[in-house]
C-alpha atoms as a PDB file:
ATOM      1  CA  UNK A   1      -8.952 -16.244  -1.356  1.00  0.00           C
ATOM      2  CA  UNK A   2      -9.149 -15.804  -5.083  1.00  0.00           C
ATOM      3  CA  UNK A   3      -7.030 -14.286  -7.795  1.00  0.00           C
ATOM      4  CA  UNK A   4      -4.685 -11.377  -7.123  1.00  0.00           C
ATOM      5  CA  UNK A   5      -5.857  -8.166  -8.127  1.00  0.00           C
ATOM      6  CA  UNK A   6      -4.385  -4.505  -8.086  1.00  0.00           C
ATOM      7  CA  UNK A   7      -5.754  -1.285  -7.214  1.00  0.00           C
ATOM      8  CA  UNK A   8      -4.198   2.032  -8.325  1.00  0.00           C
ATOM      9  CA  UNK A   9      -3.789   4.513  -5.535  1.00  0.00           C
ATOM     10  CA  UNK A  10      -2.984   8.223  -5.401  1.00  0.00           C
ATOM     11  CA  UNK A  11      -4.379   9.168  -2.045  1.00  0.00           C
ATOM     12  CA  UNK A  12      -5.086   7.713   1.330  1.00  0.00           C
ATOM     13  CA  UNK A  13      -7.563   4.809   0.717  1.00  0.00           C
ATOM     14  CA  UNK A  14      -9.259   1.780   2.224  1.00  0.00           C
ATOM     15  CA  UNK A  15      -9.661  -1.485   0.056  1.00  0.00           C
ATOM     16  CA  UNK A  16     -12.197  -3.482   0.796  1.00  0.00           C
ATOM     17  CA  UNK A  17     -12.480  -6.826  -1.106  1.00  0.00           C
ATOM     18  CA  UNK A  18     -16.201  -8.011  -1.941  1.00  0.00           C
ATOM     19  CA  UNK A  19     -15.724 -10.736   0.758  1.00  0.00           C
ATOM     20  CA  UNK A  20     -14.528  -8.300   3.356  1.00  0.00           C
ATOM     21  CA  UNK A  21     -11.651 -10.750   4.013  1.00  0.00           C
ATOM     22  CA  UNK A  22      -8.483  -9.762   2.092  1.00  0.00           C
ATOM     23  CA  UNK A  23      -4.858 -10.864   1.617  1.00  0.00           C
ATOM     24  CA  UNK A  24      -2.182  -8.295   1.250  1.00  0.00           C
ATOM     25  CA  UNK A  25       0.200  -9.485  -1.489  1.00  0.00           C
ATOM     26  CA  UNK A  26       2.420  -6.542  -2.046  1.00  0.00           C
ATOM     27  CA  UNK A  27       2.653  -3.031  -3.363  1.00  0.00           C
ATOM     28  CA  UNK A  28       4.390  -1.438  -6.601  1.00  0.00           C
ATOM     29  CA  UNK A  29       5.538   2.044  -5.878  1.00  0.00           C
ATOM     30  CA  UNK A  30       6.171   4.291  -8.826  1.00  0.00           C
ATOM     31  CA  UNK A  31       7.317   8.055  -8.768  1.00  0.00           C
ATOM     32  CA  UNK A  32       5.629   9.823 -11.664  1.00  0.00           C
ATOM     33  CA  UNK A  33       8.262  12.394 -11.505  1.00  0.00           C
ATOM     34  CA  UNK A  34      11.101  13.498  -9.194  1.00  0.00           C
ATOM     35  CA  UNK A  35      10.168  13.475  -5.527  1.00  0.00           C
ATOM     36  CA  UNK A  36      11.772  16.050  -3.473  1.00  0.00           C
ATOM     37  CA  UNK A  37      11.950  14.541   0.090  1.00  0.00           C
ATOM     38  CA  UNK A  38      11.696  10.934   1.557  1.00  0.00           C
ATOM     39  CA  UNK A  39       7.973   9.596   1.195  1.00  0.00           C
ATOM     40  CA  UNK A  40       6.706   6.890   3.761  1.00  0.00           C
ATOM     41  CA  UNK A  41       3.905   4.626   2.512  1.00  0.00           C
ATOM     42  CA  UNK A  42       2.011   2.692   5.320  1.00  0.00           C
ATOM     43  CA  UNK A  43      -0.104  -0.420   4.990  1.00  0.00           C
ATOM     44  CA  UNK A  44      -2.574  -1.198   7.679  1.00  0.00           C
ATOM     45  CA  UNK A  45      -4.735  -4.282   8.240  1.00  0.00           C
ATOM     46  CA  UNK A  46      -8.366  -4.024   8.766  1.00  0.00           C
ATOM     47  CA  UNK A  47      -8.682  -0.386   7.626  1.00  0.00           C
ATOM     48  CA  UNK A  48      -7.704   0.925  10.901  1.00  0.00           C
ATOM     49  CA  UNK A  49      -4.493   2.018  12.834  1.00  0.00           C
ATOM     50  CA  UNK A  50      -2.238   4.860  12.872  1.00  0.00           C
ATOM     51  CA  UNK A  51       1.393   4.680  13.916  1.00  0.00           C
ATOM     52  CA  UNK A  52       2.155   0.963  14.483  1.00  0.00           C
ATOM     53  CA  UNK A  53      -1.351  -0.145  15.371  1.00  0.00           C
ATOM     54  CA  UNK A  54      -2.341  -2.913  12.783  1.00  0.00           C
ATOM     55  CA  UNK A  55       0.604  -1.879  10.675  1.00  0.00           C
ATOM     56  CA  UNK A  56       1.595  -4.749   8.210  1.00  0.00           C
ATOM     57  CA  UNK A  57       4.033  -3.004   5.944  1.00  0.00           C
ATOM     58  CA  UNK A  58       5.902   0.303   5.679  1.00  0.00           C
ATOM     59  CA  UNK A  59       8.155   1.492   2.692  1.00  0.00           C
ATOM     60  CA  UNK A  60      10.290   4.613   2.318  1.00  0.00           C
ATOM     61  CA  UNK A  61      11.128   6.138  -0.998  1.00  0.00           C
ATOM     62  CA  UNK A  62      13.910   8.709  -1.474  1.00  0.00           C
ATOM     63  CA  UNK A  63      14.429  11.211  -4.099  1.00  0.00           C
ATOM     64  CA  UNK A  64      16.465   8.945  -5.998  1.00  0.00           C
ATOM     65  CA  UNK A  65      13.965   6.114  -6.017  1.00  0.00           C
ATOM     66  CA  UNK A  66      12.625   4.450  -9.241  1.00  0.00           C
ATOM     67  CA  UNK A  67       9.893   1.913  -9.698  1.00  0.00           C
ATOM     68  CA  UNK A  68       9.963  -0.356  -6.741  1.00  0.00           C
ATOM     69  CA  UNK A  69       8.278  -3.845  -6.449  1.00  0.00           C
ATOM     70  CA  UNK A  70       7.681  -5.309  -2.885  1.00  0.00           C
ATOM     71  CA  UNK A  71       5.950  -8.708  -2.364  1.00  0.00           C
ATOM     72  CA  UNK A  72       4.802 -10.719   0.603  1.00  0.00           C
ATOM     73  CA  UNK A  73       3.572 -14.276   1.011  1.00  0.00           C
ATOM     74  CA  UNK A  74       0.156 -12.914   1.983  1.00  0.00           C
ATOM     75  CA  UNK A  75      -0.933 -11.121   5.005  1.00  0.00           C
ATOM     76  CA  UNK A  76      -4.458 -11.905   6.104  1.00  0.00           C
ATOM     77  CA  UNK A  77      -6.626  -8.809   6.886  1.00  0.00           C
ATOM     78  CA  UNK A  78     -10.169  -9.520   8.153  1.00  0.00           C
ATOM     79  CA  UNK A  79     -11.642  -6.312   6.779  1.00  0.00           C
ATOM     80  CA  UNK A  80      -9.654  -5.085   4.142  1.00  0.00           C
ATOM     81  CA  UNK A  81      -6.516  -2.784   4.031  1.00  0.00           C
ATOM     82  CA  UNK A  82      -5.867   0.911   4.576  1.00  0.00           C
ATOM     83  CA  UNK A  83      -3.102   2.727   2.456  1.00  0.00           C
ATOM     84  CA  UNK A  84      -1.607   5.959   3.588  1.00  0.00           C
ATOM     85  CA  UNK A  85       1.395   8.222   2.352  1.00  0.00           C
ATOM     86  CA  UNK A  86       3.266  11.151   3.835  1.00  0.00           C
ATOM     87  CA  UNK A  87       2.884  12.741   0.463  1.00  0.00           C
ATOM     88  CA  UNK A  88       1.265  11.668  -2.586  1.00  0.00           C
ATOM     89  CA  UNK A  89       2.914  14.355  -4.858  1.00  0.00           C
ATOM     90  CA  UNK A  90       4.457  12.711  -7.803  1.00  0.00           C
ATOM     91  CA  UNK A  91       3.593   9.294  -6.583  1.00  0.00           C
ATOM     92  CA  UNK A  92       1.308   6.430  -7.364  1.00  0.00           C
ATOM     93  CA  UNK A  93       1.077   2.853  -6.010  1.00  0.00           C
ATOM     94  CA  UNK A  94      -0.360  -0.311  -6.979  1.00  0.00           C
ATOM     95  CA  UNK A  95      -1.586  -2.441  -4.095  1.00  0.00           C
ATOM     96  CA  UNK A  96      -1.669  -6.183  -4.860  1.00  0.00           C
ATOM     97  CA  UNK A  97      -4.463  -8.102  -2.828  1.00  0.00           C
ATOM     98  CA  UNK A  98      -6.692 -11.130  -3.192  1.00  0.00           C
END
């Protein structure tokens, strides 16, 4: 699939690799300041899905969270990824994909 790349995300985003076929390799979650309530980050395969449809990963940050790294062995996504958060306030993430 190629080399692992990262994309900085601060809002709900679709990630579509040039080949349209992508592999989700993980995420780095980084609060940029104190978050006031728990935040849920959801990663969906194929740029579609809500709830649990096409859900490949879900992470929860609490107000005491610091920099977090979550890696996978690679999850194949035929037409890219979608990243959503319950709140992007004081939060950025770096999605790792190839």
